[in-house]
Amino acid sequence: MAFRVFRNDALQQYRAQFDLAARYVYLAAKAYDYETNMLGSDTMAGQQFLSNIVRSRSLGVFEDGQPQTGGADPGLSDTMAKMWLNFDLV
C-alpha cells in the first residue's frame, strides 16, 4: 500500500512539473509568434509550434542544458530548439 501511495505522489509531482514546463514553452512560443509576426500558414510560424507543444508528452533531449532536436520522442525540447534556430534565421 505504501509503495502505491509514494509512486502516485511521485507521478503527481512529475506531472505538475511537466505541466509547468509545458506552460513556459507555450508562453515562449506565443512570444516567438508575436516577435516574428509570421502568418499562420508559414512553416516557421508560432502556431505550428503551439500545436506541437500541446501534443508533446515528454521533455525531450537536452545536452549540457541546451534543448536538442530529434530523438525517439522529441517532446518540448525539440520545439524549443526549432524555435531558437528559426529565430536566428529571422
N, C-alpha and C. Protein backbone atom coordinates (compact mmCIF):
# COMPACT_ATOMS: atom_id res chain seq x y z
N MET A 1 0.82 -1.19 0.00
CA MET A 1 0.00 0.00 0.00
C MET A 1 0.87 1.27 0.00
N ALA A 2 1.91 1.28 0.82
CA ALA A 2 2.79 2.45 0.91
C ALA A 2 3.49 2.69 -0.42
N PHE A 3 3.87 1.61 -1.12
CA PHE A 3 4.52 1.77 -2.41
C PHE A 3 3.62 2.49 -3.39
N ARG A 4 2.35 2.13 -3.44
CA ARG A 4 1.40 2.78 -4.35
C ARG A 4 1.21 4.25 -4.00
N VAL A 5 1.13 4.55 -2.73
CA VAL A 5 0.93 5.93 -2.30
C VAL A 5 2.12 6.79 -2.72
N PHE A 6 3.34 6.30 -2.47
CA PHE A 6 4.53 7.08 -2.82
C PHE A 6 4.71 7.17 -4.34
N ARG A 7 4.40 6.09 -5.04
CA ARG A 7 4.50 6.11 -6.50
C ARG A 7 3.51 7.11 -7.08
N ASN A 8 2.28 7.11 -6.61
CA ASN A 8 1.28 8.06 -7.10
C ASN A 8 1.67 9.49 -6.77
N ASP A 9 2.24 9.70 -5.60
CA ASP A 9 2.69 11.03 -5.21
C ASP A 9 3.81 11.51 -6.14
N ALA A 10 4.76 10.62 -6.43
CA ALA A 10 5.86 10.98 -7.32
C ALA A 10 5.35 11.29 -8.73
N LEU A 11 4.39 10.50 -9.20
CA LEU A 11 3.82 10.75 -10.53
C LEU A 11 3.06 12.07 -10.57
N GLN A 12 2.36 12.40 -9.50
CA GLN A 12 1.65 13.67 -9.45
C GLN A 12 2.62 14.84 -9.44
N GLN A 13 3.71 14.71 -8.71
CA GLN A 13 4.71 15.78 -8.68
C GLN A 13 5.37 15.95 -10.04
N TYR A 14 5.70 14.83 -10.71
CA TYR A 14 6.29 14.91 -12.04
C TYR A 14 5.32 15.56 -13.01
N ARG A 15 4.07 15.17 -12.96
CA ARG A 15 3.07 15.73 -13.88
C ARG A 15 2.90 17.23 -13.64
N ALA A 16 2.92 17.66 -12.40
CA ALA A 16 2.81 19.08 -12.09
C ALA A 16 4.00 19.85 -12.65
N GLN A 17 5.21 19.30 -12.51
CA GLN A 17 6.40 19.96 -13.04
C GLN A 17 6.41 19.97 -14.56
N PHE A 18 5.94 18.88 -15.18
CA PHE A 18 5.86 18.83 -16.64
C PHE A 18 4.86 19.86 -17.15
N ASP A 19 3.72 19.97 -16.48
CA ASP A 19 2.72 20.96 -16.89
C ASP A 19 3.28 22.38 -16.79
N LEU A 20 4.06 22.65 -15.77
CA LEU A 20 4.68 23.97 -15.62
C LEU A 20 5.68 24.22 -16.74
N ALA A 21 6.49 23.22 -17.07
CA ALA A 21 7.46 23.36 -18.17
C ALA A 21 6.73 23.58 -19.49
N ALA A 22 5.64 22.84 -19.72
CA ALA A 22 4.86 23.00 -20.95
C ALA A 22 4.25 24.39 -21.02
N ARG A 23 3.83 24.92 -19.90
CA ARG A 23 3.26 26.26 -19.87
C ARG A 23 4.31 27.31 -20.27
N TYR A 24 5.53 27.16 -19.75
CA TYR A 24 6.60 28.11 -20.09
C TYR A 24 6.99 28.00 -21.56
N VAL A 25 7.04 26.79 -22.10
CA VAL A 25 7.36 26.62 -23.52
C VAL A 25 6.24 27.21 -24.38
N TYR A 26 5.00 27.03 -23.94
CA TYR A 26 3.85 27.60 -24.66
C TYR A 26 3.93 29.12 -24.68
N LEU A 27 4.27 29.72 -23.54
CA LEU A 27 4.41 31.18 -23.48
C LEU A 27 5.59 31.65 -24.35
N ALA A 28 6.66 30.87 -24.39
CA ALA A 28 7.78 31.22 -25.26
C ALA A 28 7.37 31.17 -26.72
N ALA A 29 6.53 30.21 -27.10
CA ALA A 29 6.06 30.12 -28.48
C ALA A 29 5.13 31.28 -28.81
N LYS A 30 4.32 31.71 -27.86
CA LYS A 30 3.45 32.87 -28.09
C LYS A 30 4.30 34.13 -28.28
N ALA A 31 5.34 34.29 -27.48
CA ALA A 31 6.24 35.44 -27.63
C ALA A 31 6.98 35.37 -28.95
N TYR A 32 7.40 34.17 -29.36
CA TYR A 32 8.07 33.97 -30.65
C TYR A 32 7.15 34.39 -31.78
N ASP A 33 5.90 33.97 -31.71
CA ASP A 33 4.92 34.30 -32.75
C ASP A 33 4.70 35.82 -32.81
N TYR A 34 4.65 36.45 -31.65
CA TYR A 34 4.44 37.89 -31.59
C TYR A 34 5.65 38.64 -32.15
N GLU A 35 6.84 38.20 -31.78
CA GLU A 35 8.06 38.89 -32.21
C GLU A 35 8.33 38.74 -33.70
N THR A 36 8.04 37.57 -34.26
CA THR A 36 8.36 37.34 -35.67
C THR A 36 7.27 37.82 -36.60
N ASN A 37 6.03 37.99 -36.12
CA ASN A 37 4.90 38.46 -36.93
C ASN A 37 4.70 37.63 -38.19
N MET A 38 4.86 36.31 -38.07
CA MET A 38 4.66 35.45 -39.22
C MET A 38 3.20 35.01 -39.28
N LEU A 39 2.73 34.75 -40.47
CA LEU A 39 1.36 34.29 -40.65
C LEU A 39 1.24 32.83 -40.22
N GLY A 40 0.03 32.40 -39.94
CA GLY A 40 -0.21 31.02 -39.51
C GLY A 40 0.12 29.99 -40.56
N SER A 41 0.14 30.37 -41.84
CA SER A 41 0.42 29.41 -42.90
C SER A 41 1.91 29.17 -43.09
N ASP A 42 2.75 30.04 -42.58
CA ASP A 42 4.19 29.88 -42.72
C ASP A 42 4.67 28.71 -41.87
N THR A 43 5.64 27.94 -42.37
CA THR A 43 6.12 26.78 -41.63
C THR A 43 6.90 27.17 -40.38
N MET A 44 7.40 28.39 -40.32
CA MET A 44 8.14 28.84 -39.15
C MET A 44 7.26 29.64 -38.20
N ALA A 45 5.96 29.67 -38.43
CA ALA A 45 5.05 30.44 -37.59
C ALA A 45 4.88 29.77 -36.22
N GLY A 46 4.57 30.58 -35.24
CA GLY A 46 4.41 30.08 -33.88
C GLY A 46 3.24 29.15 -33.71
N GLN A 47 2.21 29.26 -34.54
CA GLN A 47 1.04 28.39 -34.41
C GLN A 47 1.42 26.92 -34.61
N GLN A 48 2.36 26.66 -35.50
CA GLN A 48 2.83 25.28 -35.69
C GLN A 48 3.48 24.76 -34.41
N PHE A 49 4.21 25.61 -33.74
CA PHE A 49 4.87 25.19 -32.51
C PHE A 49 3.86 24.98 -31.38
N LEU A 50 2.83 25.79 -31.35
CA LEU A 50 1.82 25.67 -30.29
C LEU A 50 1.14 24.31 -30.33
N SER A 51 0.80 23.85 -31.50
CA SER A 51 0.15 22.54 -31.59
C SER A 51 1.11 21.42 -31.19
N ASN A 52 2.39 21.55 -31.50
CA ASN A 52 3.38 20.55 -31.08
C ASN A 52 3.54 20.52 -29.57
N ILE A 53 3.48 21.68 -28.96
CA ILE A 53 3.64 21.77 -27.51
C ILE A 53 2.47 21.08 -26.81
N VAL A 54 1.28 21.33 -27.29
CA VAL A 54 0.10 20.73 -26.66
C VAL A 54 0.12 19.22 -26.82
N ARG A 55 0.63 18.71 -27.95
CA ARG A 55 0.66 17.28 -28.20
C ARG A 55 1.78 16.55 -27.47
N SER A 56 2.84 17.23 -27.08
CA SER A 56 4.00 16.55 -26.52
C SER A 56 3.69 15.99 -25.13
N ARG A 57 4.33 14.86 -24.84
CA ARG A 57 4.13 14.19 -23.56
C ARG A 57 5.45 13.88 -22.85
N SER A 58 6.55 14.46 -23.34
CA SER A 58 7.84 14.25 -22.69
C SER A 58 8.65 15.54 -22.77
N LEU A 59 9.71 15.58 -21.99
CA LEU A 59 10.58 16.75 -22.00
C LEU A 59 11.48 16.76 -23.23
N GLY A 60 11.88 15.61 -23.71
CA GLY A 60 12.75 15.54 -24.88
C GLY A 60 14.21 15.37 -24.48
N VAL A 61 15.09 15.73 -25.40
CA VAL A 61 16.52 15.51 -25.22
C VAL A 61 17.21 16.85 -24.93
N PHE A 62 17.99 16.87 -23.87
CA PHE A 62 18.79 18.03 -23.50
C PHE A 62 20.24 17.61 -23.42
N GLU A 63 21.13 18.47 -23.90
CA GLU A 63 22.56 18.19 -23.82
C GLU A 63 23.25 19.43 -23.27
N ASP A 64 23.88 19.28 -22.14
CA ASP A 64 24.54 20.40 -21.44
C ASP A 64 23.56 21.54 -21.17
N GLY A 65 22.33 21.19 -20.85
CA GLY A 65 21.32 22.19 -20.53
C GLY A 65 20.68 22.87 -21.73
N GLN A 66 21.07 22.47 -22.93
CA GLN A 66 20.51 23.06 -24.15
C GLN A 66 19.54 22.07 -24.81
N PRO A 67 18.39 22.55 -25.26
CA PRO A 67 17.44 21.65 -25.92
C PRO A 67 17.99 21.20 -27.28
N GLN A 68 17.74 19.93 -27.60
CA GLN A 68 18.21 19.35 -28.85
C GLN A 68 17.03 18.89 -29.68
N THR A 69 17.17 18.91 -31.00
CA THR A 69 16.13 18.41 -31.88
C THR A 69 16.32 16.92 -32.08
N GLY A 70 15.23 16.26 -32.46
CA GLY A 70 15.30 14.83 -32.77
C GLY A 70 15.07 13.97 -31.55
N GLY A 71 15.47 12.73 -31.67
CA GLY A 71 15.26 11.78 -30.60
C GLY A 71 14.02 10.93 -30.88
N ALA A 72 13.85 9.87 -30.09
CA ALA A 72 12.71 8.97 -30.28
C ALA A 72 11.39 9.70 -30.03
N ASP A 73 11.32 10.45 -28.94
CA ASP A 73 10.14 11.25 -28.63
C ASP A 73 10.62 12.68 -28.48
N PRO A 74 10.41 13.53 -29.50
CA PRO A 74 11.03 14.86 -29.49
C PRO A 74 10.64 15.72 -28.29
N GLY A 75 9.40 15.74 -27.91
CA GLY A 75 8.97 16.45 -26.72
C GLY A 75 9.12 17.96 -26.80
N LEU A 76 9.20 18.58 -25.63
CA LEU A 76 9.26 20.04 -25.52
C LEU A 76 10.60 20.59 -25.99
N SER A 77 11.68 19.83 -25.78
CA SER A 77 12.99 20.34 -26.16
C SER A 77 13.12 20.51 -27.67
N ASP A 78 12.49 19.64 -28.44
CA ASP A 78 12.54 19.74 -29.90
C ASP A 78 11.89 21.05 -30.35
N THR A 79 10.77 21.38 -29.77
CA THR A 79 10.07 22.62 -30.13
C THR A 79 10.90 23.83 -29.76
N MET A 80 11.49 23.82 -28.56
CA MET A 80 12.33 24.95 -28.14
C MET A 80 13.55 25.11 -29.05
N ALA A 81 14.19 24.01 -29.41
CA ALA A 81 15.37 24.08 -30.27
C ALA A 81 15.00 24.60 -31.66
N LYS A 82 13.87 24.17 -32.20
CA LYS A 82 13.45 24.64 -33.52
C LYS A 82 13.10 26.12 -33.49
N MET A 83 12.45 26.56 -32.42
CA MET A 83 12.15 27.99 -32.30
C MET A 83 13.43 28.80 -32.24
N TRP A 84 14.41 28.32 -31.48
CA TRP A 84 15.69 29.03 -31.36
C TRP A 84 16.39 29.13 -32.72
N LEU A 85 16.44 28.01 -33.45
CA LEU A 85 17.09 28.01 -34.75
C LEU A 85 16.34 28.92 -35.75
N ASN A 86 15.03 28.87 -35.76
CA ASN A 86 14.25 29.71 -36.65
C ASN A 86 14.38 31.19 -36.30
N PHE A 87 14.46 31.50 -35.01
CA PHE A 87 14.60 32.89 -34.60
C PHE A 87 15.93 33.45 -35.05
N ASP A 88 16.97 32.61 -35.03
CA ASP A 88 18.28 33.06 -35.53
C ASP A 88 18.23 33.33 -37.03
N LEU A 89 17.44 32.56 -37.76
CA LEU A 89 17.30 32.77 -39.21
C LEU A 89 16.53 34.04 -39.54
N VAL A 90 15.54 34.37 -38.72
CA VAL A 90 14.70 35.54 -38.97
C VAL A 90 15.46 36.76 -38.54
